[in-house]
Amino acid sequence: MVQHALDRGYEVVGVCREQSAHKLEDFADRITIVPGMTNDRDVIRRAVAGCGGVLTVLAPWGVQQYSSGTAQAVLDSAEPGARLVFSCGWHISRDGKDRYSRRFLWMVTLFGKLARLLRFAELDDQVEACRRVFESDARWTVVRGSDLEEGESQGLPVWSHHVGDPVLESNLTRRVDFALFMVEALTDDSLIQEAPAIVGRLSPSALAHAEPPPAE
């Protein structure tokens, strides 16, 4: 996301846990790094001051309400009218109309229970975080990601309002393209107060359902 944002000429402020700050060393002379946890309200307040857009990963780490704390800190601290783009997984449903396979539901349930038992992650808190975003009147987008894979960019992913749409059949998105969609959403007003579920553009099902390119 940092590279995509820099490519568009944005001034970037990044919040990163102190133990992970080394991951941003390649950008150290081009961005402002604010070390700290994203559910720390003071950290977020300093980081988003003056920012016209905020890109937020709703990570469900630990059992300390990390996702909901992060979402609330951003909602409360962002500049009025700022564009807020959050990310989560397909298991988040805004209106209950998503259609999931039994296998998917079983995997989410199993991972959720094991992660909480091991105090590794808290999926229910990610659901709570998104509920708070959905109820906000801010200019938000919640990007719901499929499984991620490494590799070169395939271009901007395609999306649907609901999981279960045939266009999402591949359930795969390149990590670099997930980040691309997040950054593109900052300037796409059609995504305001939407929760798009995305997949990579070059999957067979996505190609079949993607809109044709505009005429020359």
N, C-alpha and C. Protein backbone atom coordinates (compact mmCIF):
# COMPACT_ATOMS: atom_id res chain seq x y z
N MET A 1 0.83 -1.20 0.00
CA MET A 1 0.00 0.00 0.00
C MET A 1 0.86 1.25 0.00
N VAL A 2 1.98 1.21 0.73
CA VAL A 2 2.86 2.37 0.77
C VAL A 2 3.37 2.70 -0.63
N GLN A 3 3.83 1.70 -1.36
CA GLN A 3 4.37 1.96 -2.70
C GLN A 3 3.30 2.47 -3.64
N HIS A 4 2.11 1.86 -3.60
CA HIS A 4 1.02 2.34 -4.46
C HIS A 4 0.69 3.80 -4.15
N ALA A 5 0.67 4.14 -2.86
CA ALA A 5 0.34 5.52 -2.47
C ALA A 5 1.43 6.48 -2.93
N LEU A 6 2.69 6.11 -2.78
CA LEU A 6 3.78 6.96 -3.24
C LEU A 6 3.75 7.14 -4.75
N ASP A 7 3.41 6.07 -5.46
CA ASP A 7 3.33 6.15 -6.92
C ASP A 7 2.31 7.18 -7.38
N ARG A 8 1.32 7.44 -6.54
CA ARG A 8 0.28 8.42 -6.87
C ARG A 8 0.59 9.81 -6.33
N GLY A 9 1.75 9.96 -5.76
CA GLY A 9 2.17 11.26 -5.29
C GLY A 9 1.64 11.66 -3.93
N TYR A 10 1.12 10.71 -3.17
CA TYR A 10 0.60 11.02 -1.84
C TYR A 10 1.74 11.20 -0.84
N GLU A 11 1.52 12.07 0.14
CA GLU A 11 2.38 12.12 1.30
C GLU A 11 1.88 11.04 2.26
N VAL A 12 2.77 10.18 2.72
CA VAL A 12 2.36 8.99 3.47
C VAL A 12 2.84 9.06 4.91
N VAL A 13 1.93 8.80 5.82
CA VAL A 13 2.25 8.61 7.23
C VAL A 13 1.87 7.17 7.59
N GLY A 14 2.81 6.40 8.08
CA GLY A 14 2.54 5.00 8.39
C GLY A 14 2.63 4.71 9.87
N VAL A 15 1.63 4.03 10.42
CA VAL A 15 1.67 3.57 11.80
C VAL A 15 2.13 2.11 11.80
N CYS A 16 3.13 1.83 12.57
CA CYS A 16 3.69 0.48 12.57
C CYS A 16 4.17 0.13 13.98
N ARG A 17 3.90 -1.10 14.40
CA ARG A 17 4.40 -1.55 15.70
C ARG A 17 5.92 -1.41 15.75
N GLU A 18 6.43 -1.01 16.89
CA GLU A 18 7.87 -0.76 17.01
C GLU A 18 8.69 -1.97 16.58
N GLN A 19 8.23 -3.18 16.92
CA GLN A 19 8.99 -4.37 16.59
C GLN A 19 8.94 -4.71 15.10
N SER A 20 8.06 -4.03 14.36
CA SER A 20 7.94 -4.29 12.92
C SER A 20 8.40 -3.11 12.07
N ALA A 21 8.86 -2.04 12.71
CA ALA A 21 9.22 -0.82 11.98
C ALA A 21 10.31 -1.07 10.93
N HIS A 22 11.14 -2.09 11.16
CA HIS A 22 12.21 -2.36 10.19
C HIS A 22 11.67 -2.73 8.82
N LYS A 23 10.41 -3.19 8.75
CA LYS A 23 9.83 -3.57 7.47
C LYS A 23 9.64 -2.36 6.56
N LEU A 24 9.65 -1.17 7.14
CA LEU A 24 9.45 0.05 6.36
C LEU A 24 10.77 0.78 6.09
N GLU A 25 11.90 0.14 6.36
CA GLU A 25 13.19 0.82 6.21
C GLU A 25 13.42 1.32 4.80
N ASP A 26 12.93 0.58 3.80
CA ASP A 26 13.14 1.00 2.41
C ASP A 26 12.42 2.31 2.09
N PHE A 27 11.43 2.66 2.91
CA PHE A 27 10.67 3.89 2.66
C PHE A 27 11.00 4.99 3.66
N ALA A 28 11.97 4.74 4.53
CA ALA A 28 12.19 5.62 5.68
C ALA A 28 12.44 7.07 5.29
N ASP A 29 13.07 7.30 4.14
CA ASP A 29 13.37 8.68 3.73
C ASP A 29 12.26 9.31 2.89
N ARG A 30 11.16 8.54 2.67
CA ARG A 30 10.08 9.07 1.83
C ARG A 30 8.74 9.17 2.56
N ILE A 31 8.63 8.58 3.74
CA ILE A 31 7.38 8.62 4.49
C ILE A 31 7.66 8.98 5.94
N THR A 32 6.61 9.35 6.65
CA THR A 32 6.70 9.58 8.09
C THR A 32 6.23 8.33 8.80
N ILE A 33 7.04 7.79 9.70
CA ILE A 33 6.68 6.57 10.42
C ILE A 33 6.35 6.93 11.87
N VAL A 34 5.16 6.52 12.30
CA VAL A 34 4.74 6.73 13.68
C VAL A 34 4.73 5.36 14.35
N PRO A 35 5.70 5.06 15.20
CA PRO A 35 5.73 3.75 15.86
C PRO A 35 4.64 3.65 16.92
N GLY A 36 3.98 2.51 16.96
CA GLY A 36 2.94 2.31 17.96
C GLY A 36 1.89 1.33 17.48
N MET A 37 0.94 1.03 18.37
CA MET A 37 -0.14 0.11 18.06
C MET A 37 -1.30 0.88 17.44
N THR A 38 -1.99 0.25 16.51
CA THR A 38 -3.06 0.97 15.81
C THR A 38 -4.32 1.12 16.65
N ASN A 39 -4.40 0.44 17.79
CA ASN A 39 -5.55 0.66 18.68
C ASN A 39 -5.21 1.66 19.79
N ASP A 40 -4.05 2.31 19.68
CA ASP A 40 -3.65 3.35 20.62
C ASP A 40 -4.21 4.68 20.11
N ARG A 41 -5.18 5.23 20.81
CA ARG A 41 -5.88 6.41 20.33
C ARG A 41 -4.93 7.61 20.16
N ASP A 42 -3.96 7.76 21.04
CA ASP A 42 -3.03 8.88 20.93
C ASP A 42 -2.15 8.73 19.68
N VAL A 43 -1.73 7.51 19.40
CA VAL A 43 -0.92 7.25 18.21
C VAL A 43 -1.72 7.58 16.95
N ILE A 44 -2.95 7.09 16.89
CA ILE A 44 -3.78 7.33 15.71
C ILE A 44 -4.11 8.81 15.56
N ARG A 45 -4.37 9.48 16.66
CA ARG A 45 -4.70 10.91 16.59
C ARG A 45 -3.56 11.69 15.95
N ARG A 46 -2.32 11.37 16.35
CA ARG A 46 -1.17 12.06 15.79
C ARG A 46 -0.96 11.69 14.32
N ALA A 47 -1.19 10.44 14.00
CA ALA A 47 -0.89 9.96 12.65
C ALA A 47 -1.87 10.50 11.61
N VAL A 48 -3.16 10.60 11.93
CA VAL A 48 -4.15 10.97 10.92
C VAL A 48 -4.40 12.47 10.85
N ALA A 49 -3.77 13.24 11.73
CA ALA A 49 -3.99 14.69 11.71
C ALA A 49 -3.60 15.27 10.35
N GLY A 50 -4.54 15.94 9.70
CA GLY A 50 -4.28 16.55 8.41
C GLY A 50 -4.37 15.62 7.22
N CYS A 51 -4.69 14.35 7.43
CA CYS A 51 -4.74 13.37 6.34
C CYS A 51 -6.11 13.36 5.67
N GLY A 52 -6.12 13.39 4.35
CA GLY A 52 -7.38 13.34 3.62
C GLY A 52 -7.90 11.93 3.41
N GLY A 53 -7.06 10.93 3.65
CA GLY A 53 -7.46 9.53 3.52
C GLY A 53 -6.73 8.67 4.51
N VAL A 54 -7.39 7.61 4.97
CA VAL A 54 -6.77 6.70 5.94
C VAL A 54 -7.02 5.26 5.48
N LEU A 55 -5.95 4.50 5.32
CA LEU A 55 -6.03 3.08 4.95
C LEU A 55 -5.75 2.26 6.20
N THR A 56 -6.69 1.40 6.58
CA THR A 56 -6.60 0.69 7.85
C THR A 56 -6.80 -0.80 7.67
N VAL A 57 -5.84 -1.60 8.15
CA VAL A 57 -5.98 -3.05 8.18
C VAL A 57 -6.57 -3.42 9.53
N LEU A 58 -7.75 -4.02 9.52
CA LEU A 58 -8.41 -4.41 10.78
C LEU A 58 -7.89 -5.79 11.21
N ALA A 59 -6.68 -5.79 11.73
CA ALA A 59 -6.05 -7.05 12.15
C ALA A 59 -6.65 -7.51 13.48
N PRO A 60 -7.04 -8.80 13.58
CA PRO A 60 -7.68 -9.30 14.80
C PRO A 60 -6.69 -9.86 15.82
N TRP A 61 -5.51 -9.27 15.92
CA TRP A 61 -4.47 -9.83 16.78
C TRP A 61 -4.89 -9.86 18.25
N GLY A 62 -4.49 -10.95 18.90
CA GLY A 62 -4.66 -11.06 20.34
C GLY A 62 -6.11 -11.05 20.79
N VAL A 63 -6.32 -10.89 22.08
CA VAL A 63 -7.67 -10.85 22.66
C VAL A 63 -7.81 -9.56 23.47
N GLN A 64 -7.45 -8.48 22.84
CA GLN A 64 -7.47 -7.17 23.48
C GLN A 64 -8.32 -6.18 22.71
N GLN A 65 -9.31 -6.69 21.94
CA GLN A 65 -10.18 -5.85 21.12
C GLN A 65 -9.35 -4.96 20.20
N TYR A 66 -8.37 -5.58 19.55
CA TYR A 66 -7.45 -4.82 18.70
C TYR A 66 -8.16 -4.25 17.48
N SER A 67 -9.00 -5.04 16.82
CA SER A 67 -9.69 -4.57 15.62
C SER A 67 -10.67 -3.45 15.95
N SER A 68 -11.53 -3.68 16.93
CA SER A 68 -12.53 -2.67 17.25
C SER A 68 -11.89 -1.41 17.82
N GLY A 69 -10.81 -1.58 18.59
CA GLY A 69 -10.10 -0.42 19.10
C GLY A 69 -9.47 0.39 17.99
N THR A 70 -8.93 -0.30 17.00
CA THR A 70 -8.34 0.38 15.84
C THR A 70 -9.41 1.13 15.05
N ALA A 71 -10.52 0.43 14.74
CA ALA A 71 -11.59 1.07 13.97
C ALA A 71 -12.13 2.29 14.68
N GLN A 72 -12.36 2.18 15.99
CA GLN A 72 -12.93 3.30 16.73
C GLN A 72 -11.97 4.48 16.79
N ALA A 73 -10.68 4.19 16.95
CA ALA A 73 -9.68 5.25 16.99
C ALA A 73 -9.65 6.02 15.67
N VAL A 74 -9.74 5.30 14.57
CA VAL A 74 -9.75 5.95 13.26
C VAL A 74 -11.03 6.75 13.05
N LEU A 75 -12.17 6.15 13.37
CA LEU A 75 -13.44 6.85 13.20
C LEU A 75 -13.50 8.13 14.03
N ASP A 76 -12.95 8.08 15.23
CA ASP A 76 -13.01 9.23 16.12
C ASP A 76 -11.97 10.30 15.80
N SER A 77 -10.85 9.91 15.22
CA SER A 77 -9.73 10.83 15.07
C SER A 77 -9.54 11.38 13.67
N ALA A 78 -10.11 10.72 12.66
CA ALA A 78 -9.91 11.17 11.27
C ALA A 78 -10.49 12.56 11.05
N GLU A 79 -9.90 13.28 10.11
CA GLU A 79 -10.39 14.60 9.77
C GLU A 79 -11.82 14.50 9.23
N PRO A 80 -12.66 15.50 9.51
CA PRO A 80 -14.03 15.50 8.96
C PRO A 80 -13.99 15.39 7.43
N GLY A 81 -14.76 14.45 6.89
CA GLY A 81 -14.81 14.27 5.45
C GLY A 81 -13.70 13.43 4.88
N ALA A 82 -12.78 12.95 5.71
CA ALA A 82 -11.68 12.13 5.20
C ALA A 82 -12.21 10.83 4.63
N ARG A 83 -11.50 10.32 3.64
CA ARG A 83 -11.87 9.04 3.03
C ARG A 83 -11.23 7.92 3.85
N LEU A 84 -12.06 7.01 4.38
CA LEU A 84 -11.58 5.94 5.25
C LEU A 84 -11.77 4.60 4.55
N VAL A 85 -10.69 3.86 4.37
CA VAL A 85 -10.75 2.56 3.70
C VAL A 85 -10.21 1.50 4.66
N PHE A 86 -11.05 0.55 5.01
CA PHE A 86 -10.69 -0.52 5.93
C PHE A 86 -10.59 -1.85 5.17
N SER A 87 -9.83 -2.79 5.72
CA SER A 87 -9.75 -4.12 5.10
C SER A 87 -10.06 -5.20 6.12
N CYS A 88 -10.68 -6.27 5.64
CA CYS A 88 -11.00 -7.43 6.46
C CYS A 88 -11.15 -8.63 5.54
N GLY A 89 -11.67 -9.73 6.06
CA GLY A 89 -11.85 -10.92 5.25
C GLY A 89 -13.29 -11.09 4.77
N TRP A 90 -13.49 -12.11 3.95
CA TRP A 90 -14.83 -12.38 3.40
C TRP A 90 -15.85 -12.74 4.47
N HIS A 91 -15.38 -13.21 5.63
CA HIS A 91 -16.32 -13.67 6.65
C HIS A 91 -17.17 -12.53 7.21
N ILE A 92 -16.76 -11.29 6.97
CA ILE A 92 -17.56 -10.14 7.39
C ILE A 92 -18.71 -9.96 6.42
N SER A 93 -19.93 -9.85 6.94
CA SER A 93 -21.11 -9.63 6.10
C SER A 93 -21.83 -8.38 6.58
N ARG A 94 -22.08 -7.49 5.65
CA ARG A 94 -22.74 -6.23 6.03
C ARG A 94 -24.24 -6.41 6.23
N ASP A 95 -24.87 -7.17 5.33
CA ASP A 95 -26.33 -7.25 5.35
C ASP A 95 -26.87 -8.67 5.49
N GLY A 96 -25.99 -9.65 5.69
CA GLY A 96 -26.43 -11.03 5.86
C GLY A 96 -26.83 -11.73 4.57
N LYS A 97 -26.59 -11.10 3.43
CA LYS A 97 -26.99 -11.70 2.15
C LYS A 97 -25.86 -12.45 1.45
N ASP A 98 -24.70 -12.50 2.07
CA ASP A 98 -23.60 -13.27 1.48
C ASP A 98 -23.89 -14.77 1.60
N ARG A 99 -23.44 -15.53 0.59
CA ARG A 99 -23.67 -16.98 0.56
C ARG A 99 -22.31 -17.69 0.67
N TYR A 100 -22.15 -18.40 1.77
CA TYR A 100 -20.89 -19.07 2.04
C TYR A 100 -21.04 -20.58 1.91
N SER A 101 -19.97 -21.24 1.46
CA SER A 101 -19.97 -22.70 1.41
C SER A 101 -19.86 -23.25 2.82
N ARG A 102 -20.27 -24.49 3.02
CA ARG A 102 -20.13 -25.12 4.33
C ARG A 102 -18.67 -25.21 4.74
N ARG A 103 -17.82 -25.48 3.77
CA ARG A 103 -16.39 -25.59 4.07
C ARG A 103 -15.85 -24.25 4.58
N PHE A 104 -16.25 -23.17 3.93
CA PHE A 104 -15.78 -21.86 4.36
C PHE A 104 -16.24 -21.56 5.78
N LEU A 105 -17.51 -21.81 6.06
CA LEU A 105 -18.04 -21.55 7.40
C LEU A 105 -17.36 -22.42 8.45
N TRP A 106 -17.09 -23.67 8.08
CA TRP A 106 -16.41 -24.58 9.01
C TRP A 106 -15.01 -24.08 9.31
N MET A 107 -14.29 -23.63 8.29
CA MET A 107 -12.93 -23.14 8.48
C MET A 107 -12.91 -21.88 9.35
N VAL A 108 -13.84 -20.96 9.10
CA VAL A 108 -13.90 -19.74 9.90
C VAL A 108 -14.20 -20.07 11.36
N THR A 109 -15.15 -20.98 11.58
CA THR A 109 -15.51 -21.36 12.95
C THR A 109 -14.33 -22.03 13.66
N LEU A 110 -13.67 -22.96 12.98
CA LEU A 110 -12.54 -23.67 13.57
C LEU A 110 -11.39 -22.72 13.88
N PHE A 111 -11.04 -21.88 12.91
CA PHE A 111 -9.94 -20.96 13.14
C PHE A 111 -10.28 -19.98 14.25
N GLY A 112 -11.50 -19.49 14.27
CA GLY A 112 -11.90 -18.55 15.30
C GLY A 112 -11.77 -19.13 16.69
N LYS A 113 -12.21 -20.37 16.87
CA LYS A 113 -12.14 -21.00 18.18
C LYS A 113 -10.70 -21.28 18.59
N LEU A 114 -9.90 -21.81 17.66
CA LEU A 114 -8.50 -22.12 17.98
C LEU A 114 -7.71 -20.85 18.25
N ALA A 115 -7.93 -19.82 17.44
CA ALA A 115 -7.19 -18.59 17.60
C ALA A 115 -7.48 -17.94 18.95
N ARG A 116 -8.74 -17.98 19.35
CA ARG A 116 -9.08 -17.38 20.65
C ARG A 116 -8.55 -18.23 21.79
N LEU A 117 -8.63 -19.56 21.63
CA LEU A 117 -8.11 -20.45 22.68
C LEU A 117 -6.62 -20.21 22.90
N LEU A 118 -5.89 -20.00 21.81
CA LEU A 118 -4.45 -19.76 21.89
C LEU A 118 -4.13 -18.30 22.13
N ARG A 119 -5.17 -17.48 22.24
CA ARG A 119 -5.01 -16.04 22.46
C ARG A 119 -4.20 -15.39 21.35
N PHE A 120 -4.39 -15.92 20.13
CA PHE A 120 -3.65 -15.43 18.97
C PHE A 120 -4.44 -14.38 18.20
N ALA A 121 -5.75 -14.58 18.08
CA ALA A 121 -6.58 -13.67 17.30
C ALA A 121 -8.01 -13.73 17.81
N GLU A 122 -8.79 -12.72 17.41
CA GLU A 122 -10.15 -12.57 17.91
C GLU A 122 -11.07 -12.17 16.74
N LEU A 123 -11.55 -13.18 15.99
CA LEU A 123 -12.36 -12.88 14.82
C LEU A 123 -13.66 -12.16 15.17
N ASP A 124 -14.24 -12.50 16.30
CA ASP A 124 -15.48 -11.83 16.69
C ASP A 124 -15.27 -10.32 16.86
N ASP A 125 -14.07 -9.94 17.30
CA ASP A 125 -13.81 -8.52 17.46
C ASP A 125 -13.67 -7.83 16.11
N GLN A 126 -13.21 -8.55 15.09
CA GLN A 126 -13.17 -7.97 13.75
C GLN A 126 -14.59 -7.72 13.24
N VAL A 127 -15.50 -8.63 13.57
CA VAL A 127 -16.92 -8.42 13.23
C VAL A 127 -17.44 -7.17 13.92
N GLU A 128 -17.10 -7.01 15.20
CA GLU A 128 -17.53 -5.83 15.95
C GLU A 128 -16.93 -4.56 15.36
N ALA A 129 -15.67 -4.62 14.95
CA ALA A 129 -15.03 -3.45 14.35
C ALA A 129 -15.79 -3.01 13.10
N CYS A 130 -16.14 -3.96 12.25
CA CYS A 130 -16.85 -3.62 11.02
C CYS A 130 -18.26 -3.14 11.31
N ARG A 131 -18.90 -3.67 12.34
CA ARG A 131 -20.22 -3.17 12.70
C ARG A 131 -20.16 -1.68 13.03
N ARG A 132 -19.12 -1.29 13.74
CA ARG A 132 -18.98 0.13 14.09
C ARG A 132 -18.76 0.98 12.85
N VAL A 133 -17.98 0.46 11.93
CA VAL A 133 -17.76 1.20 10.67
C VAL A 133 -19.06 1.31 9.88
N PHE A 134 -19.78 0.19 9.76
CA PHE A 134 -21.02 0.19 8.98
C PHE A 134 -22.04 1.18 9.55
N GLU A 135 -22.04 1.37 10.84
CA GLU A 135 -23.01 2.26 11.47
C GLU A 135 -22.57 3.72 11.46
N SER A 136 -21.35 3.95 11.01
CA SER A 136 -20.83 5.31 10.96
C SER A 136 -21.35 6.05 9.73
N ASP A 137 -21.47 7.38 9.83
CA ASP A 137 -21.86 8.17 8.68
C ASP A 137 -20.64 8.76 7.97
N ALA A 138 -19.45 8.24 8.29
CA ALA A 138 -18.21 8.69 7.64
C ALA A 138 -18.17 8.21 6.19
N ARG A 139 -17.20 8.69 5.44
CA ARG A 139 -17.02 8.30 4.03
C ARG A 139 -16.12 7.07 3.98
N TRP A 140 -16.69 5.92 4.37
CA TRP A 140 -15.90 4.70 4.53
C TRP A 140 -16.12 3.72 3.39
N THR A 141 -15.15 2.82 3.25
CA THR A 141 -15.27 1.62 2.43
C THR A 141 -14.64 0.48 3.22
N VAL A 142 -15.28 -0.69 3.25
CA VAL A 142 -14.70 -1.87 3.87
C VAL A 142 -14.40 -2.88 2.76
N VAL A 143 -13.13 -3.08 2.48
CA VAL A 143 -12.71 -4.00 1.43
C VAL A 143 -12.58 -5.40 2.02
N ARG A 144 -13.38 -6.32 1.50
CA ARG A 144 -13.39 -7.69 2.02
C ARG A 144 -12.56 -8.57 1.08
N GLY A 145 -11.45 -9.07 1.60
CA GLY A 145 -10.50 -9.77 0.75
C GLY A 145 -10.68 -11.27 0.74
N SER A 146 -10.36 -11.87 -0.41
CA SER A 146 -10.33 -13.32 -0.55
C SER A 146 -8.99 -13.83 -0.02
N ASP A 147 -8.68 -15.10 -0.26
CA ASP A 147 -7.36 -15.62 0.06
C ASP A 147 -6.33 -14.86 -0.77
N LEU A 148 -5.16 -14.65 -0.19
CA LEU A 148 -4.11 -13.89 -0.86
C LEU A 148 -3.00 -14.80 -1.36
N GLU A 149 -2.41 -14.42 -2.50
CA GLU A 149 -1.26 -15.14 -3.03
C GLU A 149 -0.21 -14.13 -3.47
N GLU A 150 1.03 -14.58 -3.50
CA GLU A 150 2.12 -13.72 -3.95
C GLU A 150 2.18 -13.75 -5.47
N GLY A 151 2.92 -12.81 -6.04
CA GLY A 151 3.08 -12.78 -7.48
C GLY A 151 2.95 -11.37 -8.02
N GLU A 152 3.25 -11.21 -9.30
CA GLU A 152 3.17 -9.92 -9.94
C GLU A 152 1.72 -9.47 -10.08
N SER A 153 1.55 -8.18 -10.22
CA SER A 153 0.21 -7.62 -10.32
C SER A 153 -0.55 -8.14 -11.54
N GLN A 154 -1.83 -8.42 -11.34
CA GLN A 154 -2.73 -8.77 -12.43
C GLN A 154 -3.66 -7.61 -12.77
N GLY A 155 -3.46 -6.49 -12.10
CA GLY A 155 -4.34 -5.34 -12.32
C GLY A 155 -5.36 -5.21 -11.20
N LEU A 156 -6.18 -4.19 -11.31
CA LEU A 156 -7.17 -3.90 -10.29
C LEU A 156 -8.16 -5.05 -10.16
N PRO A 157 -8.37 -5.59 -8.96
CA PRO A 157 -9.32 -6.70 -8.78
C PRO A 157 -10.75 -6.31 -9.17
N VAL A 158 -11.57 -7.33 -9.42
CA VAL A 158 -12.99 -7.12 -9.62
C VAL A 158 -13.69 -7.36 -8.28
N TRP A 159 -14.94 -6.90 -8.19
CA TRP A 159 -15.61 -7.03 -6.90
C TRP A 159 -17.10 -7.26 -7.08
N SER A 160 -17.71 -7.69 -5.99
CA SER A 160 -19.15 -7.89 -5.95
C SER A 160 -19.68 -7.41 -4.60
N HIS A 161 -20.97 -7.12 -4.57
CA HIS A 161 -21.60 -6.71 -3.31
C HIS A 161 -21.67 -7.87 -2.32
N HIS A 162 -21.73 -9.11 -2.84
CA HIS A 162 -21.95 -10.25 -1.95
C HIS A 162 -21.07 -11.44 -2.30
N VAL A 163 -20.52 -12.08 -1.28
CA VAL A 163 -19.85 -13.37 -1.45
C VAL A 163 -20.90 -14.38 -1.92
N GLY A 164 -20.51 -15.20 -2.88
CA GLY A 164 -21.44 -16.13 -3.50
C GLY A 164 -21.67 -15.80 -4.95
N ASP A 165 -21.35 -14.59 -5.36
CA ASP A 165 -21.42 -14.19 -6.76
C ASP A 165 -20.40 -15.01 -7.55
N PRO A 166 -20.77 -15.55 -8.73
CA PRO A 166 -19.82 -16.35 -9.51
C PRO A 166 -18.51 -15.64 -9.83
N VAL A 167 -18.53 -14.31 -9.89
CA VAL A 167 -17.30 -13.59 -10.21
C VAL A 167 -16.23 -13.81 -9.15
N LEU A 168 -16.62 -14.23 -7.96
CA LEU A 168 -15.68 -14.41 -6.86
C LEU A 168 -15.22 -15.86 -6.71
N GLU A 169 -15.57 -16.69 -7.66
CA GLU A 169 -15.36 -18.14 -7.52
C GLU A 169 -13.92 -18.53 -7.22
N SER A 170 -12.95 -17.83 -7.79
CA SER A 170 -11.55 -18.24 -7.62
C SER A 170 -11.06 -18.09 -6.18
N ASN A 171 -11.63 -17.13 -5.43
CA ASN A 171 -11.23 -16.88 -4.05
C ASN A 171 -9.73 -16.62 -3.93
N LEU A 172 -9.14 -15.94 -4.92
CA LEU A 172 -7.71 -15.63 -4.88
C LEU A 172 -7.46 -14.21 -5.38
N THR A 173 -6.62 -13.51 -4.67
CA THR A 173 -6.20 -12.17 -5.07
C THR A 173 -4.71 -12.04 -4.81
N ARG A 174 -3.99 -11.46 -5.75
CA ARG A 174 -2.58 -11.17 -5.50
C ARG A 174 -2.48 -10.13 -4.38
N ARG A 175 -1.55 -10.33 -3.48
CA ARG A 175 -1.39 -9.42 -2.35
C ARG A 175 -1.17 -7.98 -2.83
N VAL A 176 -0.37 -7.84 -3.88
CA VAL A 176 -0.07 -6.50 -4.41
C VAL A 176 -1.34 -5.84 -4.96
N ASP A 177 -2.27 -6.65 -5.46
CA ASP A 177 -3.49 -6.10 -6.04
C ASP A 177 -4.54 -5.80 -4.98
N PHE A 178 -4.51 -6.53 -3.87
CA PHE A 178 -5.36 -6.17 -2.73
C PHE A 178 -5.00 -4.76 -2.28
N ALA A 179 -3.68 -4.51 -2.16
CA ALA A 179 -3.21 -3.18 -1.77
C ALA A 179 -3.61 -2.15 -2.82
N LEU A 180 -3.53 -2.51 -4.09
CA LEU A 180 -3.91 -1.59 -5.17
C LEU A 180 -5.37 -1.19 -5.04
N PHE A 181 -6.25 -2.14 -4.74
CA PHE A 181 -7.68 -1.83 -4.60
C PHE A 181 -7.90 -0.88 -3.43
N MET A 182 -7.19 -1.10 -2.33
CA MET A 182 -7.32 -0.23 -1.17
C MET A 182 -6.99 1.22 -1.53
N VAL A 183 -5.87 1.41 -2.23
CA VAL A 183 -5.44 2.75 -2.58
C VAL A 183 -6.38 3.38 -3.61
N GLU A 184 -6.80 2.60 -4.59
CA GLU A 184 -7.73 3.10 -5.61
C GLU A 184 -9.05 3.54 -4.99
N ALA A 185 -9.47 2.85 -3.93
CA ALA A 185 -10.75 3.17 -3.30
C ALA A 185 -10.76 4.58 -2.72
N LEU A 186 -9.59 5.12 -2.42
CA LEU A 186 -9.52 6.48 -1.85
C LEU A 186 -10.18 7.51 -2.75
N THR A 187 -10.13 7.28 -4.06
CA THR A 187 -10.66 8.27 -5.00
C THR A 187 -11.86 7.75 -5.79
N ASP A 188 -12.41 6.61 -5.38
CA ASP A 188 -13.57 6.04 -6.06
C ASP A 188 -14.81 6.29 -5.21
N ASP A 189 -15.55 7.35 -5.54
CA ASP A 189 -16.71 7.71 -4.73
C ASP A 189 -17.84 6.68 -4.84
N SER A 190 -17.82 5.83 -5.87
CA SER A 190 -18.86 4.81 -5.99
C SER A 190 -18.72 3.75 -4.90
N LEU A 191 -17.57 3.71 -4.22
CA LEU A 191 -17.35 2.74 -3.16
C LEU A 191 -17.62 3.29 -1.77
N ILE A 192 -18.06 4.55 -1.68
CA ILE A 192 -18.35 5.12 -0.38
C ILE A 192 -19.52 4.39 0.27
N GLN A 193 -19.32 3.96 1.50
CA GLN A 193 -20.28 3.18 2.28
C GLN A 193 -20.69 1.90 1.55
N GLU A 194 -19.70 1.26 0.94
CA GLU A 194 -19.85 -0.06 0.32
C GLU A 194 -18.87 -1.02 0.97
N ALA A 195 -19.18 -2.32 0.88
CA ALA A 195 -18.30 -3.36 1.41
C ALA A 195 -17.99 -4.36 0.31
N PRO A 196 -17.18 -3.96 -0.68
CA PRO A 196 -16.90 -4.83 -1.82
C PRO A 196 -16.10 -6.06 -1.43
N ALA A 197 -16.51 -7.22 -1.95
CA ALA A 197 -15.72 -8.45 -1.82
C ALA A 197 -14.95 -8.61 -3.13
N ILE A 198 -13.64 -8.81 -3.04
CA ILE A 198 -12.81 -8.73 -4.24
C ILE A 198 -12.10 -10.04 -4.54
N VAL A 199 -11.76 -10.21 -5.85
CA VAL A 199 -10.87 -11.28 -6.31
C VAL A 199 -9.99 -10.74 -7.43
N GLY A 200 -8.93 -11.48 -7.73
CA GLY A 200 -8.03 -11.08 -8.79
C GLY A 200 -8.71 -11.08 -10.15
N ARG A 201 -8.34 -10.12 -10.98
CA ARG A 201 -9.00 -9.91 -12.26
C ARG A 201 -8.76 -11.04 -13.26
N LEU A 202 -7.62 -11.73 -13.18
CA LEU A 202 -7.27 -12.70 -14.21
C LEU A 202 -7.73 -14.11 -13.92
N SER A 203 -8.54 -14.32 -12.87
CA SER A 203 -9.10 -15.65 -12.67
C SER A 203 -10.13 -15.91 -13.77
N PRO A 204 -10.33 -17.18 -14.20
CA PRO A 204 -11.27 -17.47 -15.28
C PRO A 204 -12.67 -16.91 -15.04
N SER A 205 -13.19 -17.07 -13.82
CA SER A 205 -14.54 -16.59 -13.55
C SER A 205 -14.60 -15.07 -13.57
N ALA A 206 -13.55 -14.44 -13.06
CA ALA A 206 -13.52 -12.97 -13.06
C ALA A 206 -13.46 -12.43 -14.47
N LEU A 207 -12.68 -13.07 -15.34
CA LEU A 207 -12.59 -12.63 -16.73
C LEU A 207 -13.94 -12.75 -17.43
N ALA A 208 -14.66 -13.82 -17.11
CA ALA A 208 -15.95 -14.05 -17.76
C ALA A 208 -16.99 -13.01 -17.37
N HIS A 209 -16.88 -12.48 -16.16
CA HIS A 209 -17.89 -11.56 -15.65
C HIS A 209 -17.45 -10.11 -15.60
N ALA A 210 -16.16 -9.85 -15.89
CA ALA A 210 -15.67 -8.48 -15.83
C ALA A 210 -16.30 -7.65 -16.94
N GLU A 211 -16.48 -6.38 -16.71
CA GLU A 211 -17.03 -5.50 -17.70
C GLU A 211 -16.05 -5.36 -18.85
N PRO A 212 -16.53 -5.25 -20.11
CA PRO A 212 -15.63 -5.09 -21.24
C PRO A 212 -14.96 -3.72 -21.18
N PRO A 213 -13.78 -3.58 -21.77
CA PRO A 213 -13.11 -2.28 -21.75
C PRO A 213 -13.88 -1.27 -22.59
N PRO A 214 -13.75 0.01 -22.26
CA PRO A 214 -14.46 1.02 -23.04
C PRO A 214 -13.94 1.07 -24.47
N ALA A 215 -14.80 1.48 -25.40
CA ALA A 215 -14.41 1.58 -26.79
C ALA A 215 -13.39 2.70 -26.98
N GLU A 216 -12.51 2.52 -27.95
CA GLU A 216 -11.50 3.56 -28.24
C GLU A 216 -12.20 4.81 -28.77
